[in-house]
Amino acid sequence: MALETGKYNIVCMAKLGKIEAVMDCKVDGNTFTGELSAMGSTQPVQNGVIDGESFSCSVKIKTPLGMKETKVSGTTDGNNISGTLNMKMIGELKYTGAKS
């Protein structure tokens, strides 16, 4: 099952602790847009691409080190998603989530 329009509650474990986020997706064929809300900031999803059960996008995320360009990749399994956030200077963080 591919990524669908809707909100996904995401949890990511970082060195500074658990980060909770919401990704609000708007799917249009094999692309998507939307917003990612985390750590008191909401930023637009850019370059969202869907390929079967896989998806990827980029978004700027507010961190204690400032705004970081982040590459998001993941897969879907029913209403669940999982994948990685790759941030410059911070590295790769794994996340899991579910459609709300």
Protein backbone atom coordinates (compact mmCIF):
# COMPACT_ATOMS: atom_id res chain seq x y z
CA MET A 1 0.00 0.00 0.00
CA ALA A 2 1.43 3.39 -0.99
CA LEU A 3 1.61 6.57 1.05
CA GLU A 4 -1.86 8.13 1.29
CA THR A 5 -3.26 11.60 1.86
CA GLY A 6 -3.59 12.20 5.59
CA LYS A 7 -1.67 12.77 8.80
CA TYR A 8 1.03 10.45 10.09
CA ASN A 9 2.22 10.57 13.70
CA ILE A 10 5.98 9.93 13.72
CA VAL A 11 8.42 9.11 16.53
CA CYS A 12 12.17 9.42 16.06
CA MET A 13 14.86 8.61 18.63
CA ALA A 14 17.75 11.09 18.67
CA LYS A 15 20.73 11.51 20.99
CA LEU A 16 18.81 14.29 22.77
CA GLY A 17 15.77 12.04 23.28
CA LYS A 18 12.50 11.17 21.60
CA ILE A 19 11.23 13.54 18.90
CA GLU A 20 7.54 13.43 18.01
CA ALA A 21 6.34 14.85 14.70
CA VAL A 22 3.30 14.95 12.44
CA MET A 23 3.62 14.67 8.67
CA ASP A 24 0.51 15.92 6.86
CA CYS A 25 0.60 14.52 3.29
CA LYS A 26 -1.39 15.46 0.23
CA VAL A 27 -0.86 12.80 -2.44
CA ASP A 28 -1.29 13.50 -6.16
CA GLY A 29 -0.43 10.40 -8.21
CA ASN A 30 3.23 9.55 -7.60
CA THR A 31 4.07 12.87 -5.90
CA PHE A 32 3.10 14.46 -2.60
CA THR A 33 3.26 17.77 -0.78
CA GLY A 34 2.35 18.73 2.75
CA GLU A 35 3.88 19.84 6.03
CA LEU A 36 6.04 18.37 8.76
CA SER A 37 5.46 19.68 12.28
CA ALA A 38 8.16 18.96 14.88
CA MET A 39 9.86 20.69 17.80
CA GLY A 40 7.61 23.75 17.64
CA SER A 41 8.07 24.35 13.92
CA THR A 42 5.97 23.53 10.85
CA GLN A 43 7.77 23.38 7.52
CA PRO A 44 6.68 22.50 3.96
CA VAL A 45 7.50 19.10 2.47
CA GLN A 46 9.44 19.50 -0.78
CA ASN A 47 10.21 17.15 -3.68
CA GLY A 48 7.87 14.41 -2.42
CA VAL A 49 8.04 11.27 -4.60
CA ILE A 50 6.20 7.97 -4.21
CA ASP A 51 7.47 4.75 -5.83
CA GLY A 52 5.21 1.84 -4.89
CA GLU A 53 5.51 1.37 -1.12
CA SER A 54 8.56 3.68 -0.90
CA PHE A 55 8.57 7.45 -0.59
CA SER A 56 11.07 10.29 -0.19
CA CYS A 57 11.07 14.05 0.30
CA SER A 58 13.08 16.87 1.83
CA VAL A 59 12.13 19.27 4.60
CA LYS A 60 13.89 21.74 6.88
CA ILE A 61 13.69 20.68 10.52
CA LYS A 62 14.30 22.94 13.51
CA THR A 63 16.98 21.46 15.77
CA PRO A 64 19.00 22.75 18.73
CA LEU A 65 21.73 23.42 16.12
CA GLY A 66 19.37 25.51 13.94
CA MET A 67 17.34 24.68 10.82
CA LYS A 68 18.70 21.58 9.07
CA GLU A 69 17.91 20.42 5.53
CA THR A 70 16.68 16.86 6.00
CA LYS A 71 16.21 14.06 3.50
CA VAL A 72 13.30 11.81 4.49
CA SER A 73 12.91 8.32 3.06
CA GLY A 74 10.60 5.54 4.08
CA THR A 75 8.26 2.70 3.27
CA THR A 76 4.64 2.00 4.02
CA ASP A 77 3.10 -1.15 5.48
CA GLY A 78 -0.66 -0.68 5.66
CA ASN A 79 -1.22 2.41 7.83
CA ASN A 80 2.34 2.23 9.25
CA ILE A 81 5.43 4.00 7.95
CA SER A 82 9.10 3.68 8.84
CA GLY A 83 12.35 4.98 7.50
CA THR A 84 15.20 7.41 8.03
CA LEU A 85 15.78 11.13 8.43
CA ASN A 86 19.20 12.13 7.13
CA MET A 87 20.41 15.53 8.42
CA LYS A 88 23.67 17.23 7.54
CA MET A 89 26.08 17.34 10.52
CA ILE A 90 23.71 15.17 12.61
CA GLY A 91 23.53 11.98 10.55
CA GLU A 92 20.85 9.39 10.03
CA LEU A 93 17.98 8.87 12.46
CA LYS A 94 15.39 6.09 12.23
CA TYR A 95 11.67 6.80 12.66
CA THR A 96 8.41 4.88 12.86
CA GLY A 97 4.87 6.16 12.54
CA ALA A 98 1.25 5.46 11.81
CA LYS A 99 -1.59 7.20 9.99
CA SER A 100 -3.89 8.98 12.44
